[in-house]
Amino acid sequence: MTQSADSVRLSQQAYSTAYWNNQQAQNGTDPTTGKSFSSEHLDSDVQKRQYADALKTADLNLSQAQSKLEQAKVTYTNAQQQEA
């Protein structure tokens, strides 16, 4: 269960980073440099899609980690009940 909880914490951190990166990207700012995409000669639409996709992936990973934690809790509770 500890591993699952750690996985949730790491996934939450990754989600938070992806969320804020996406927020900046949607405003036209490169999160890695703080400069506008246009000033860096980057395709704004492509960059925005990439950061949005990264956020979706982070959200999916977080959901999977939370599900695994819930499964671990059920397994732990069942083991306790069988022991009693």
PDB file of N, CA and C in Angstrom:
ATOM      1  N   MET A   1       0.835  -1.184   0.000  1.00  0.00           N
ATOM      2  CA  MET A   1       0.000   0.000   0.000  1.00  0.00           C
ATOM      3  C   MET A   1       0.884   1.253   0.000  1.00  0.00           C
ATOM      4  N   THR A   2       2.024   1.174   0.646  1.00  0.00           N
ATOM      5  CA  THR A   2       2.931   2.319   0.688  1.00  0.00           C
ATOM      6  C   THR A   2       3.415   2.682  -0.712  1.00  0.00           C
ATOM      7  N   GLN A   3       3.734   1.668  -1.506  1.00  0.00           N
ATOM      8  CA  GLN A   3       4.181   1.926  -2.877  1.00  0.00           C
ATOM      9  C   GLN A   3       3.086   2.610  -3.689  1.00  0.00           C
ATOM     10  N   SER A   4       1.856   2.167  -3.501  1.00  0.00           N
ATOM     11  CA  SER A   4       0.734   2.772  -4.221  1.00  0.00           C
ATOM     12  C   SER A   4       0.531   4.216  -3.789  1.00  0.00           C
ATOM     13  N   ALA A   5       0.671   4.478  -2.507  1.00  0.00           N
ATOM     14  CA  ALA A   5       0.521   5.850  -2.008  1.00  0.00           C
ATOM     15  C   ALA A   5       1.638   6.740  -2.549  1.00  0.00           C
ATOM     16  N   ASP A   6       2.861   6.202  -2.599  1.00  0.00           N
ATOM     17  CA  ASP A   6       3.973   6.963  -3.173  1.00  0.00           C
ATOM     18  C   ASP A   6       3.726   7.251  -4.651  1.00  0.00           C
ATOM     19  N   SER A   7       3.188   6.281  -5.345  1.00  0.00           N
ATOM     20  CA  SER A   7       2.885   6.453  -6.760  1.00  0.00           C
ATOM     21  C   SER A   7       1.842   7.556  -6.966  1.00  0.00           C
ATOM     22  N   VAL A   8       0.859   7.618  -6.084  1.00  0.00           N
ATOM     23  CA  VAL A   8      -0.150   8.678  -6.165  1.00  0.00           C
ATOM     24  C   VAL A   8       0.511  10.041  -5.940  1.00  0.00           C
ATOM     25  N   ARG A   9       1.376  10.132  -4.935  1.00  0.00           N
ATOM     26  CA  ARG A   9       2.050  11.409  -4.662  1.00  0.00           C
ATOM     27  C   ARG A   9       2.881  11.860  -5.863  1.00  0.00           C
ATOM     28  N   LEU A  10       3.633  10.937  -6.458  1.00  0.00           N
ATOM     29  CA  LEU A  10       4.446  11.282  -7.626  1.00  0.00           C
ATOM     30  C   LEU A  10       3.566  11.683  -8.809  1.00  0.00           C
ATOM     31  N   SER A  11       2.463  10.986  -8.977  1.00  0.00           N
ATOM     32  CA  SER A  11       1.536  11.305 -10.063  1.00  0.00           C
ATOM     33  C   SER A  11       0.885  12.665  -9.840  1.00  0.00           C
ATOM     34  N   GLN A  12       0.604  12.994  -8.580  1.00  0.00           N
ATOM     35  CA  GLN A  12       0.034  14.298  -8.273  1.00  0.00           C
ATOM     36  C   GLN A  12       1.027  15.413  -8.606  1.00  0.00           C
ATOM     37  N   GLN A  13       2.289  15.180  -8.297  1.00  0.00           N
ATOM     38  CA  GLN A  13       3.313  16.172  -8.614  1.00  0.00           C
ATOM     39  C   GLN A  13       3.437  16.355 -10.130  1.00  0.00           C
ATOM     40  N   ALA A  14       3.446  15.242 -10.853  1.00  0.00           N
ATOM     41  CA  ALA A  14       3.552  15.310 -12.309  1.00  0.00           C
ATOM     42  C   ALA A  14       2.333  16.006 -12.897  1.00  0.00           C
ATOM     43  N   TYR A  15       1.159  15.723 -12.348  1.00  0.00           N
ATOM     44  CA  TYR A  15      -0.066  16.376 -12.819  1.00  0.00           C
ATOM     45  C   TYR A  15       0.009  17.882 -12.578  1.00  0.00           C
ATOM     46  N   SER A  16       0.449  18.269 -11.404  1.00  0.00           N
ATOM     47  CA  SER A  16       0.546  19.686 -11.068  1.00  0.00           C
ATOM     48  C   SER A  16       1.477  20.413 -12.039  1.00  0.00           C
ATOM     49  N   THR A  17       2.624  19.817 -12.307  1.00  0.00           N
ATOM     50  CA  THR A  17       3.567  20.412 -13.257  1.00  0.00           C
ATOM     51  C   THR A  17       2.946  20.516 -14.643  1.00  0.00           C
ATOM     52  N   ALA A  18       2.308  19.429 -15.088  1.00  0.00           N
ATOM     53  CA  ALA A  18       1.678  19.426 -16.408  1.00  0.00           C
ATOM     54  C   ALA A  18       0.554  20.453 -16.478  1.00  0.00           C
ATOM     55  N   TYR A  19      -0.191  20.593 -15.393  1.00  0.00           N
ATOM     56  CA  TYR A  19      -1.296  21.558 -15.357  1.00  0.00           C
ATOM     57  C   TYR A  19      -0.774  22.985 -15.548  1.00  0.00           C
ATOM     58  N   TRP A  20       0.229  23.346 -14.763  1.00  0.00           N
ATOM     59  CA  TRP A  20       0.743  24.717 -14.837  1.00  0.00           C
ATOM     60  C   TRP A  20       1.476  24.967 -16.150  1.00  0.00           C
ATOM     61  N   ASN A  21       2.181  23.962 -16.659  1.00  0.00           N
ATOM     62  CA  ASN A  21       2.815  24.108 -17.973  1.00  0.00           C
ATOM     63  C   ASN A  21       1.765  24.348 -19.041  1.00  0.00           C
ATOM     64  N   ASN A  22       0.669  23.598 -18.965  1.00  0.00           N
ATOM     65  CA  ASN A  22      -0.405  23.755 -19.942  1.00  0.00           C
ATOM     66  C   ASN A  22      -1.041  25.138 -19.827  1.00  0.00           C
ATOM     67  N   GLN A  23      -1.225  25.618 -18.618  1.00  0.00           N
ATOM     68  CA  GLN A  23      -1.805  26.952 -18.433  1.00  0.00           C
ATOM     69  C   GLN A  23      -0.943  28.011 -19.121  1.00  0.00           C
ATOM     70  N   GLN A  24       0.360  27.917 -18.916  1.00  0.00           N
ATOM     71  CA  GLN A  24       1.267  28.878 -19.541  1.00  0.00           C
ATOM     72  C   GLN A  24       1.239  28.736 -21.058  1.00  0.00           C
ATOM     73  N   ALA A  25       1.258  27.498 -21.537  1.00  0.00           N
ATOM     74  CA  ALA A  25       1.263  27.255 -22.978  1.00  0.00           C
ATOM     75  C   ALA A  25      -0.005  27.795 -23.627  1.00  0.00           C
ATOM     76  N   GLN A  26      -1.144  27.597 -22.980  1.00  0.00           N
ATOM     77  CA  GLN A  26      -2.396  28.085 -23.550  1.00  0.00           C
ATOM     78  C   GLN A  26      -2.413  29.608 -23.627  1.00  0.00           C
ATOM     79  N   ASN A  27      -1.600  30.258 -22.812  1.00  0.00           N
ATOM     80  CA  ASN A  27      -1.467  31.717 -22.861  1.00  0.00           C
ATOM     81  C   ASN A  27      -0.383  32.158 -23.841  1.00  0.00           C
ATOM     82  N   GLY A  28       0.245  31.173 -24.527  1.00  0.00           N
ATOM     83  CA  GLY A  28       1.256  31.496 -25.534  1.00  0.00           C
ATOM     84  C   GLY A  28       2.666  31.612 -25.011  1.00  0.00           C
ATOM     85  N   THR A  29       2.881  31.159 -23.790  1.00  0.00           N
ATOM     86  CA  THR A  29       4.203  31.256 -23.175  1.00  0.00           C
ATOM     87  C   THR A  29       4.838  29.881 -23.067  1.00  0.00           C
ATOM     88  N   ASP A  30       6.091  29.776 -23.450  1.00  0.00           N
ATOM     89  CA  ASP A  30       6.831  28.530 -23.313  1.00  0.00           C
ATOM     90  C   ASP A  30       7.166  28.336 -21.830  1.00  0.00           C
ATOM     91  N   PRO A  31       6.624  27.294 -21.191  1.00  0.00           N
ATOM     92  CA  PRO A  31       6.868  27.105 -19.756  1.00  0.00           C
ATOM     93  C   PRO A  31       8.334  26.852 -19.409  1.00  0.00           C
ATOM     94  N   THR A  32       9.099  26.374 -20.355  1.00  0.00           N
ATOM     95  CA  THR A  32      10.503  26.078 -20.051  1.00  0.00           C
ATOM     96  C   THR A  32      11.388  27.311 -20.093  1.00  0.00           C
ATOM     97  N   THR A  33      10.970  28.340 -20.842  1.00  0.00           N
ATOM     98  CA  THR A  33      11.807  29.537 -20.969  1.00  0.00           C
ATOM     99  C   THR A  33      11.134  30.797 -20.453  1.00  0.00           C
ATOM    100  N   GLY A  34       9.797  30.787 -20.386  1.00  0.00           N
ATOM    101  CA  GLY A  34       9.068  31.974 -19.977  1.00  0.00           C
ATOM    102  C   GLY A  34       8.881  32.983 -21.101  1.00  0.00           C
ATOM    103  N   LYS A  35       9.332  32.616 -22.309  1.00  0.00           N
ATOM    104  CA  LYS A  35       9.200  33.503 -23.468  1.00  0.00           C
ATOM    105  C   LYS A  35       7.998  33.081 -24.301  1.00  0.00           C
ATOM    106  N   SER A  36       7.507  34.010 -25.105  1.00  0.00           N
ATOM    107  CA  SER A  36       6.381  33.670 -25.962  1.00  0.00           C
ATOM    108  C   SER A  36       6.834  32.720 -27.062  1.00  0.00           C
ATOM    109  N   PHE A  37       5.906  31.862 -27.489  1.00  0.00           N
ATOM    110  CA  PHE A  37       6.230  30.915 -28.556  1.00  0.00           C
ATOM    111  C   PHE A  37       6.658  31.651 -29.826  1.00  0.00           C
ATOM    112  N   SER A  38       5.989  32.776 -30.104  1.00  0.00           N
ATOM    113  CA  SER A  38       6.311  33.515 -31.330  1.00  0.00           C
ATOM    114  C   SER A  38       7.727  34.087 -31.287  1.00  0.00           C
ATOM    115  N   SER A  39       8.165  34.527 -30.128  1.00  0.00           N
ATOM    116  CA  SER A  39       9.519  35.085 -30.035  1.00  0.00           C
ATOM    117  C   SER A  39      10.579  33.995 -30.180  1.00  0.00           C
ATOM    118  N   GLU A  40      10.191  32.757 -29.939  1.00  0.00           N
ATOM    119  CA  GLU A  40      11.111  31.629 -30.093  1.00  0.00           C
ATOM    120  C   GLU A  40      10.934  30.942 -31.446  1.00  0.00           C
ATOM    121  N   HIS A  41      10.076  31.524 -32.275  1.00  0.00           N
ATOM    122  CA  HIS A  41       9.802  30.985 -33.617  1.00  0.00           C
ATOM    123  C   HIS A  41       9.271  29.559 -33.562  1.00  0.00           C
ATOM    124  N   LEU A  42       8.379  29.310 -32.594  1.00  0.00           N
ATOM    125  CA  LEU A  42       7.745  28.002 -32.449  1.00  0.00           C
ATOM    126  C   LEU A  42       6.296  28.097 -32.894  1.00  0.00           C
ATOM    127  N   ASP A  43       5.772  27.022 -33.428  1.00  0.00           N
ATOM    128  CA  ASP A  43       4.365  26.967 -33.834  1.00  0.00           C
ATOM    129  C   ASP A  43       3.515  26.899 -32.571  1.00  0.00           C
ATOM    130  N   SER A  44       2.807  27.961 -32.300  1.00  0.00           N
ATOM    131  CA  SER A  44       2.013  28.080 -31.076  1.00  0.00           C
ATOM    132  C   SER A  44       0.977  26.974 -30.952  1.00  0.00           C
ATOM    133  N   ASP A  45       0.272  26.666 -32.039  1.00  0.00           N
ATOM    134  CA  ASP A  45      -0.775  25.636 -31.986  1.00  0.00           C
ATOM    135  C   ASP A  45      -0.195  24.265 -31.659  1.00  0.00           C
ATOM    136  N   VAL A  46       0.930  23.946 -32.255  1.00  0.00           N
ATOM    137  CA  VAL A  46       1.579  22.654 -31.993  1.00  0.00           C
ATOM    138  C   VAL A  46       2.013  22.577 -30.531  1.00  0.00           C
ATOM    139  N   GLN A  47       2.610  23.648 -30.044  1.00  0.00           N
ATOM    140  CA  GLN A  47       3.074  23.665 -28.655  1.00  0.00           C
ATOM    141  C   GLN A  47       1.905  23.531 -27.688  1.00  0.00           C
ATOM    142  N   LYS A  48       0.828  24.244 -27.969  1.00  0.00           N
ATOM    143  CA  LYS A  48      -0.351  24.172 -27.098  1.00  0.00           C
ATOM    144  C   LYS A  48      -0.918  22.759 -27.065  1.00  0.00           C
ATOM    145  N   ARG A  49      -0.971  22.106 -28.223  1.00  0.00           N
ATOM    146  CA  ARG A  49      -1.481  20.725 -28.280  1.00  0.00           C
ATOM    147  C   ARG A  49      -0.571  19.781 -27.502  1.00  0.00           C
ATOM    148  N   GLN A  50       0.731  19.964 -27.634  1.00  0.00           N
ATOM    149  CA  GLN A  50       1.661  19.082 -26.925  1.00  0.00           C
ATOM    150  C   GLN A  50       1.508  19.201 -25.410  1.00  0.00           C
ATOM    151  N   TYR A  51       1.362  20.413 -24.924  1.00  0.00           N
ATOM    152  CA  TYR A  51       1.196  20.595 -23.477  1.00  0.00           C
ATOM    153  C   TYR A  51      -0.175  20.109 -23.008  1.00  0.00           C
ATOM    154  N   ALA A  52      -1.185  20.281 -23.843  1.00  0.00           N
ATOM    155  CA  ALA A  52      -2.522  19.761 -23.504  1.00  0.00           C
ATOM    156  C   ALA A  52      -2.489  18.228 -23.468  1.00  0.00           C
ATOM    157  N   ASP A  53      -1.794  17.625 -24.415  1.00  0.00           N
ATOM    158  CA  ASP A  53      -1.662  16.161 -24.426  1.00  0.00           C
ATOM    159  C   ASP A  53      -0.894  15.672 -23.198  1.00  0.00           C
ATOM    160  N   ALA A  54       0.133  16.397 -22.814  1.00  0.00           N
ATOM    161  CA  ALA A  54       0.909  16.024 -21.621  1.00  0.00           C
ATOM    162  C   ALA A  54       0.030  16.083 -20.378  1.00  0.00           C
ATOM    163  N   LEU A  55      -0.861  17.065 -20.323  1.00  0.00           N
ATOM    164  CA  LEU A  55      -1.783  17.175 -19.194  1.00  0.00           C
ATOM    165  C   LEU A  55      -2.752  15.999 -19.179  1.00  0.00           C
ATOM    166  N   LYS A  56      -3.267  15.621 -20.334  1.00  0.00           N
ATOM    167  CA  LYS A  56      -4.178  14.474 -20.408  1.00  0.00           C
ATOM    168  C   LYS A  56      -3.480  13.199 -19.947  1.00  0.00           C
ATOM    169  N   THR A  57      -2.233  13.024 -20.366  1.00  0.00           N
ATOM    170  CA  THR A  57      -1.463  11.847 -19.959  1.00  0.00           C
ATOM    171  C   THR A  57      -1.241  11.845 -18.446  1.00  0.00           C
ATOM    172  N   ALA A  58      -0.888  12.992 -17.898  1.00  0.00           N
ATOM    173  CA  ALA A  58      -0.673  13.092 -16.455  1.00  0.00           C
ATOM    174  C   ALA A  58      -1.963  12.810 -15.695  1.00  0.00           C
ATOM    175  N   ASP A  59      -3.088  13.270 -16.223  1.00  0.00           N
ATOM    176  CA  ASP A  59      -4.384  13.018 -15.593  1.00  0.00           C
ATOM    177  C   ASP A  59      -4.698  11.520 -15.601  1.00  0.00           C
ATOM    178  N   LEU A  60      -4.443  10.880 -16.726  1.00  0.00           N
ATOM    179  CA  LEU A  60      -4.674   9.435 -16.826  1.00  0.00           C
ATOM    180  C   LEU A  60      -3.776   8.675 -15.854  1.00  0.00           C
ATOM    181  N   ASN A  61      -2.504   9.045 -15.789  1.00  0.00           N
ATOM    182  CA  ASN A  61      -1.573   8.386 -14.870  1.00  0.00           C
ATOM    183  C   ASN A  61      -1.999   8.563 -13.416  1.00  0.00           C
ATOM    184  N   LEU A  62      -2.489   9.751 -13.082  1.00  0.00           N
ATOM    185  CA  LEU A  62      -2.961  10.008 -11.724  1.00  0.00           C
ATOM    186  C   LEU A  62      -4.180   9.147 -11.412  1.00  0.00           C
ATOM    187  N   SER A  63      -5.100   9.058 -12.337  1.00  0.00           N
ATOM    188  CA  SER A  63      -6.295   8.226 -12.134  1.00  0.00           C
ATOM    189  C   SER A  63      -5.925   6.763 -11.932  1.00  0.00           C
ATOM    190  N   GLN A  64      -4.981   6.282 -12.718  1.00  0.00           N
ATOM    191  CA  GLN A  64      -4.539   4.892 -12.583  1.00  0.00           C
ATOM    192  C   GLN A  64      -3.850   4.666 -11.238  1.00  0.00           C
ATOM    193  N   ALA A  65      -3.037   5.602 -10.811  1.00  0.00           N
ATOM    194  CA  ALA A  65      -2.356   5.468  -9.519  1.00  0.00           C
ATOM    195  C   ALA A  65      -3.361   5.475  -8.378  1.00  0.00           C
ATOM    196  N   GLN A  66      -4.372   6.327  -8.470  1.00  0.00           N
ATOM    197  CA  GLN A  66      -5.401   6.370  -7.426  1.00  0.00           C
ATOM    198  C   GLN A  66      -6.192   5.065  -7.392  1.00  0.00           C
ATOM    199  N   SER A  67      -6.468   4.514  -8.547  1.00  0.00           N
ATOM    200  CA  SER A  67      -7.192   3.243  -8.621  1.00  0.00           C
ATOM    201  C   SER A  67      -6.376   2.121  -7.985  1.00  0.00           C
ATOM    202  N   LYS A  68      -5.080   2.102  -8.267  1.00  0.00           N
ATOM    203  CA  LYS A  68      -4.214   1.075  -7.681  1.00  0.00           C
ATOM    204  C   LYS A  68      -4.145   1.226  -6.165  1.00  0.00           C
ATOM    205  N   LEU A  69      -4.156   2.450  -5.683  1.00  0.00           N
ATOM    206  CA  LEU A  69      -4.153   2.676  -4.234  1.00  0.00           C
ATOM    207  C   LEU A  69      -5.441   2.146  -3.613  1.00  0.00           C
ATOM    208  N   GLU A  70      -6.565   2.399  -4.251  1.00  0.00           N
ATOM    209  CA  GLU A  70      -7.836   1.886  -3.737  1.00  0.00           C
ATOM    210  C   GLU A  70      -7.840   0.354  -3.722  1.00  0.00           C
ATOM    211  N   GLN A  71      -7.287  -0.257  -4.756  1.00  0.00           N
ATOM    212  CA  GLN A  71      -7.196  -1.714  -4.808  1.00  0.00           C
ATOM    213  C   GLN A  71      -6.303  -2.241  -3.685  1.00  0.00           C
ATOM    214  N   ALA A  72      -5.212  -1.536  -3.423  1.00  0.00           N
ATOM    215  CA  ALA A  72      -4.309  -1.944  -2.349  1.00  0.00           C
ATOM    216  C   ALA A  72      -4.996  -1.840  -0.994  1.00  0.00           C
ATOM    217  N   LYS A  73      -5.807  -0.814  -0.816  1.00  0.00           N
ATOM    218  CA  LYS A  73      -6.549  -0.658   0.446  1.00  0.00           C
ATOM    219  C   LYS A  73      -7.523  -1.812   0.644  1.00  0.00           C
ATOM    220  N   VAL A  74      -8.223  -2.204  -0.421  1.00  0.00           N
ATOM    221  CA  VAL A  74      -9.172  -3.318  -0.334  1.00  0.00           C
ATOM    222  C   VAL A  74      -8.426  -4.611  -0.013  1.00  0.00           C
ATOM    223  N   THR A  75      -7.312  -4.823  -0.682  1.00  0.00           N
ATOM    224  CA  THR A  75      -6.510  -6.026  -0.433  1.00  0.00           C
ATOM    225  C   THR A  75      -6.036  -6.053   1.017  1.00  0.00           C
ATOM    226  N   TYR A  76      -5.595  -4.931   1.523  1.00  0.00           N
ATOM    227  CA  TYR A  76      -5.136  -4.835   2.903  1.00  0.00           C
ATOM    228  C   TYR A  76      -6.269  -5.114   3.885  1.00  0.00           C
ATOM    229  N   THR A  77      -7.431  -4.530   3.643  1.00  0.00           N
ATOM    230  CA  THR A  77      -8.581  -4.741   4.517  1.00  0.00           C
ATOM    231  C   THR A  77      -9.003  -6.199   4.501  1.00  0.00           C
ATOM    232  N   ASN A  78      -9.032  -6.814   3.334  1.00  0.00           N
ATOM    233  CA  ASN A  78      -9.384  -8.235   3.229  1.00  0.00           C
ATOM    234  C   ASN A  78      -8.394  -9.119   3.976  1.00  0.00           C
ATOM    235  N   ALA A  79      -7.125  -8.796   3.875  1.00  0.00           N
ATOM    236  CA  ALA A  79      -6.103  -9.569   4.588  1.00  0.00           C
ATOM    237  C   ALA A  79      -6.270  -9.443   6.091  1.00  0.00           C
ATOM    238  N   GLN A  80      -6.621  -8.259   6.559  1.00  0.00           N
ATOM    239  CA  GLN A  80      -6.849  -8.050   7.998  1.00  0.00           C
ATOM    240  C   GLN A  80      -8.049  -8.876   8.461  1.00  0.00           C
ATOM    241  N   GLN A  81      -9.102  -8.887   7.671  1.00  0.00           N
ATOM    242  CA  GLN A  81     -10.311  -9.610   8.058  1.00  0.00           C
ATOM    243  C   GLN A  81     -10.055 -11.119   8.063  1.00  0.00           C
ATOM    244  N   GLN A  82      -9.283 -11.607   7.134  1.00  0.00           N
ATOM    245  CA  GLN A  82      -8.964 -13.036   7.088  1.00  0.00           C
ATOM    246  C   GLN A  82      -8.074 -13.463   8.243  1.00  0.00           C
ATOM    247  N   GLU A  83      -7.253 -12.537   8.701  1.00  0.00           N
ATOM    248  CA  GLU A  83      -6.352 -12.832   9.814  1.00  0.00           C
ATOM    249  C   GLU A  83      -7.125 -12.949  11.121  1.00  0.00           C
ATOM    250  N   ALA A  84      -8.218 -12.185  11.230  1.00  0.00           N
ATOM    251  CA  ALA A  84      -8.975 -12.145  12.487  1.00  0.00           C
ATOM    252  C   ALA A  84      -9.810 -13.369  12.715  1.00  0.00           C
TER     253      ALA A  84
END
